[in-house]
Amino acid sequence: MISDVPISPPARREILGFARSVVACALRGEPVGEPYPTWQCYSLLQRCCGVFVTMEKGAQLRGCIGELGDRFPLHRGIRVCAVKAALEDPRFPPVTAPELSVLTFSVSILSRPQPIQARGLERAAVLVPHRDGVILEVGRRRSTFLPRVWQQYENPQDFLSQLCVKQGASPDCWTDPEVRLLQYETTDLKESSPQD
């Protein structure tokens, strides 16, 4: 996890405000500024880690895009994922400028994914519901469920089966020794209300 960098309430507000400002700038066609070195979250934003940016309208998902790898610093991941979640999530029409004021933003910062060493049905037994996110790799295809998805599938076998289905594979593909599973945890930051 990233617990060695405490995320104070002001730092949480800075990160969430940055995600919101990225989308606001994109909707206005303006360039996005860099994080300020004076921000409390500045050192965390320089770390390379995976991240997801989620937008909700009330209780309804409005966009969610993430970066699973640790190729980019967190600030770049937030910038890329926030714009894609707002404008390129294929499940939704692009967010509009008037809509921005009613959206609630969340940022999920991922720990480094670790391979699940167990085999077959044992793979489900090592997962901790509501804590573990899972990456499923079948050949060159990758898909993931964030820990929040446990709200829909309490049973670890159902969780993994639906992740297989999400990728277009058979529901039991997660038991195949050729299929790679990785688990990770998230640090979740969420606005308590729109424009928090």
Protein backbone atom coordinates (compact mmCIF):
# COMPACT_ATOMS: atom_id res chain seq x y z
CA MET A 1 0.00 0.00 0.00
CA ILE A 2 0.96 3.66 0.02
CA SER A 3 0.42 3.96 3.78
CA ASP A 4 3.96 5.33 4.23
CA VAL A 5 2.60 8.60 2.77
CA PRO A 6 -0.23 9.75 5.05
CA ILE A 7 -2.99 11.49 3.13
CA SER A 8 -4.27 14.30 5.32
CA PRO A 9 -7.69 15.91 4.78
CA PRO A 10 -6.08 18.93 3.03
CA ALA A 11 -4.07 16.60 0.76
CA ARG A 12 -7.24 14.66 -0.08
CA ARG A 13 -8.96 17.91 -1.05
CA GLU A 14 -5.98 18.87 -3.23
CA ILE A 15 -6.02 15.55 -5.10
CA LEU A 16 -9.79 15.59 -5.64
CA GLY A 17 -9.69 19.27 -6.59
CA PHE A 18 -6.96 18.52 -9.12
CA ALA A 19 -9.07 15.76 -10.72
CA ARG A 20 -12.06 18.11 -10.93
CA SER A 21 -9.98 20.99 -12.33
CA VAL A 22 -8.52 18.71 -15.02
CA VAL A 23 -12.03 17.96 -16.30
CA ALA A 24 -13.11 21.60 -16.04
CA CYS A 25 -10.09 22.68 -18.10
CA ALA A 26 -10.73 19.96 -20.70
CA LEU A 27 -14.35 21.06 -21.08
CA ARG A 28 -13.21 24.67 -21.61
CA GLY A 29 -10.45 23.61 -24.02
CA GLU A 30 -7.75 25.02 -21.71
CA PRO A 31 -4.39 23.46 -20.75
CA VAL A 32 -4.14 21.84 -17.32
CA GLY A 33 -1.59 23.26 -14.91
CA GLU A 34 0.97 21.23 -13.00
CA PRO A 35 0.56 20.44 -9.29
CA TYR A 36 2.12 23.09 -7.06
CA PRO A 37 5.21 22.08 -5.03
CA THR A 38 3.55 23.72 -2.01
CA TRP A 39 0.68 21.22 -2.03
CA GLN A 40 0.63 18.79 0.87
CA CYS A 41 0.10 15.91 -1.57
CA TYR A 42 2.96 16.95 -3.89
CA SER A 43 5.35 14.08 -3.05
CA LEU A 44 2.56 11.52 -3.45
CA LEU A 45 1.61 12.97 -6.84
CA GLN A 46 5.18 12.33 -8.06
CA ARG A 47 4.98 8.59 -7.28
CA CYS A 48 4.43 6.12 -10.09
CA CYS A 49 1.33 4.04 -9.38
CA GLY A 50 -1.96 2.96 -10.87
CA VAL A 51 -5.04 5.14 -10.45
CA PHE A 52 -8.74 5.23 -11.31
CA VAL A 53 -10.87 8.37 -11.55
CA THR A 54 -14.61 7.90 -11.07
CA MET A 55 -17.48 10.36 -11.48
CA GLU A 56 -20.96 9.78 -10.15
CA LYS A 57 -24.21 11.68 -10.64
CA GLY A 58 -26.15 11.04 -7.46
CA ALA A 59 -25.85 7.30 -6.91
CA GLN A 60 -25.33 6.57 -10.63
CA LEU A 61 -21.97 5.95 -12.25
CA ARG A 62 -21.19 8.66 -14.83
CA GLY A 63 -17.67 7.65 -15.87
CA CYS A 64 -14.73 5.58 -14.63
CA ILE A 65 -11.38 5.05 -16.32
CA GLY A 66 -8.12 3.85 -14.81
CA GLU A 67 -4.47 3.13 -15.39
CA LEU A 68 -3.38 -0.22 -13.93
CA GLY A 69 0.35 0.13 -14.41
CA ASP A 70 2.93 2.28 -12.68
CA ARG A 71 4.36 3.84 -15.85
CA PHE A 72 3.40 7.40 -14.95
CA PRO A 73 3.53 9.67 -11.92
CA LEU A 74 0.20 9.83 -10.12
CA HIS A 75 -0.51 13.40 -11.27
CA ARG A 76 -0.23 12.33 -14.92
CA GLY A 77 -2.41 9.28 -14.29
CA ILE A 78 -5.09 11.47 -12.68
CA ARG A 79 -4.89 13.94 -15.57
CA VAL A 80 -5.25 11.25 -18.27
CA CYS A 81 -7.88 9.16 -16.47
CA ALA A 82 -10.03 12.13 -15.43
CA VAL A 83 -10.31 13.41 -19.00
CA LYS A 84 -11.00 9.92 -20.38
CA ALA A 85 -13.61 9.21 -17.69
CA ALA A 86 -15.38 12.47 -18.54
CA LEU A 87 -15.13 12.40 -22.32
CA GLU A 88 -14.21 8.90 -23.54
CA ASP A 89 -15.88 6.28 -21.33
CA PRO A 90 -17.70 4.25 -24.03
CA ARG A 91 -20.59 3.47 -21.67
CA PHE A 92 -21.68 7.12 -21.42
CA PRO A 93 -22.05 10.27 -23.51
CA PRO A 94 -19.38 12.90 -22.81
CA VAL A 95 -19.82 15.02 -19.68
CA THR A 96 -21.04 18.56 -20.38
CA ALA A 97 -19.90 21.75 -18.67
CA PRO A 98 -23.27 22.39 -16.92
CA GLU A 99 -23.23 18.82 -15.62
CA LEU A 100 -19.89 19.23 -13.86
CA SER A 101 -21.45 20.98 -10.86
CA VAL A 102 -23.61 17.95 -10.03
CA LEU A 103 -20.88 15.30 -10.33
CA THR A 104 -19.03 13.78 -7.40
CA PHE A 105 -15.39 12.79 -8.01
CA SER A 106 -13.46 9.83 -6.58
CA VAL A 107 -9.80 8.92 -6.98
CA SER A 108 -8.60 5.38 -6.23
CA ILE A 109 -4.83 5.01 -5.82
CA LEU A 110 -3.62 1.46 -6.41
CA SER A 111 -0.93 -0.43 -4.57
CA ARG A 112 1.55 -2.40 -6.70
CA PRO A 113 -0.30 -5.49 -8.01
CA GLN A 114 0.99 -8.81 -6.69
CA PRO A 115 0.55 -12.16 -8.47
CA ILE A 116 -1.83 -14.61 -6.82
CA GLN A 117 0.29 -17.73 -6.38
CA ALA A 118 -2.56 -20.13 -5.57
CA ARG A 119 -3.90 -22.47 -8.26
CA GLY A 120 -7.36 -23.53 -9.40
CA LEU A 121 -10.21 -23.00 -6.94
CA GLU A 122 -7.70 -22.01 -4.26
CA ARG A 123 -7.36 -18.64 -5.98
CA ALA A 124 -10.75 -17.53 -4.69
CA ALA A 125 -9.85 -18.52 -1.14
CA VAL A 126 -6.94 -16.06 -0.88
CA LEU A 127 -9.05 -13.01 -1.73
CA VAL A 128 -10.31 -10.72 1.02
CA PRO A 129 -13.72 -9.27 0.04
CA HIS A 130 -13.94 -5.44 0.07
CA ARG A 131 -10.13 -5.16 0.37
CA ASP A 132 -8.69 -6.79 -2.74
CA GLY A 133 -9.00 -5.61 -6.31
CA VAL A 134 -8.11 -8.16 -8.98
CA ILE A 135 -6.48 -7.93 -12.40
CA LEU A 136 -7.24 -10.80 -14.79
CA GLU A 137 -4.81 -11.41 -17.66
CA VAL A 138 -5.86 -13.79 -20.44
CA GLY A 139 -3.23 -13.72 -23.16
CA ARG A 140 -2.77 -10.02 -23.98
CA ARG A 141 -6.15 -8.97 -22.61
CA ARG A 142 -6.47 -7.41 -19.15
CA SER A 143 -9.48 -6.49 -17.08
CA THR A 144 -9.99 -5.54 -13.46
CA PHE A 145 -12.53 -5.13 -10.69
CA LEU A 146 -11.80 -2.49 -8.07
CA PRO A 147 -12.46 -3.47 -4.43
CA ARG A 148 -15.72 -1.47 -4.51
CA VAL A 149 -17.17 -4.09 -6.90
CA TRP A 150 -17.40 -6.49 -3.94
CA GLN A 151 -20.66 -4.68 -3.13
CA GLN A 152 -22.19 -6.55 -6.08
CA TYR A 153 -20.50 -9.95 -5.62
CA GLU A 154 -19.92 -11.02 -2.01
CA ASN A 155 -18.75 -14.51 -3.00
CA PRO A 156 -15.10 -14.58 -4.24
CA GLN A 157 -15.93 -17.20 -6.87
CA ASP A 158 -18.75 -15.03 -8.25
CA PHE A 159 -16.42 -12.00 -8.18
CA LEU A 160 -13.82 -13.84 -10.28
CA SER A 161 -16.39 -15.40 -12.60
CA GLN A 162 -17.92 -12.03 -13.40
CA LEU A 163 -14.45 -10.60 -14.02
CA CYS A 164 -13.94 -13.37 -16.61
CA VAL A 165 -17.30 -12.55 -18.20
CA LYS A 166 -16.40 -8.84 -18.28
CA GLN A 167 -13.43 -9.76 -20.46
CA GLY A 168 -15.49 -11.99 -22.72
CA ALA A 169 -13.98 -15.23 -21.42
CA SER A 170 -15.74 -18.25 -19.94
CA PRO A 171 -16.89 -17.76 -16.31
CA ASP A 172 -14.43 -20.36 -15.00
CA CYS A 173 -11.37 -19.01 -16.83
CA TRP A 174 -9.92 -17.84 -13.51
CA THR A 175 -9.17 -21.46 -12.57
CA ASP A 176 -7.03 -21.99 -15.70
CA PRO A 177 -3.30 -22.16 -14.80
CA GLU A 178 -2.50 -20.21 -17.98
CA VAL A 179 -4.58 -17.27 -16.76
CA ARG A 180 -2.72 -14.77 -14.57
CA LEU A 181 -4.39 -13.14 -11.56
CA LEU A 182 -2.96 -10.23 -9.60
CA GLN A 183 -4.37 -8.59 -6.49
CA TYR A 184 -4.01 -5.04 -5.22
CA GLU A 185 -5.49 -2.68 -2.66
CA THR A 186 -6.68 0.87 -3.10
CA THR A 187 -6.62 4.08 -1.14
CA ASP A 188 -9.95 5.69 -1.98
CA LEU A 189 -10.57 9.42 -1.89
CA LYS A 190 -14.08 10.73 -2.52
CA GLU A 191 -15.80 14.07 -2.43
CA SER A 192 -18.63 14.07 0.11
CA SER A 193 -20.78 16.09 -2.30
CA PRO A 194 -20.50 17.74 -5.72
CA GLN A 195 -17.91 20.57 -5.75
CA ASP A 196 -16.85 19.46 -2.24
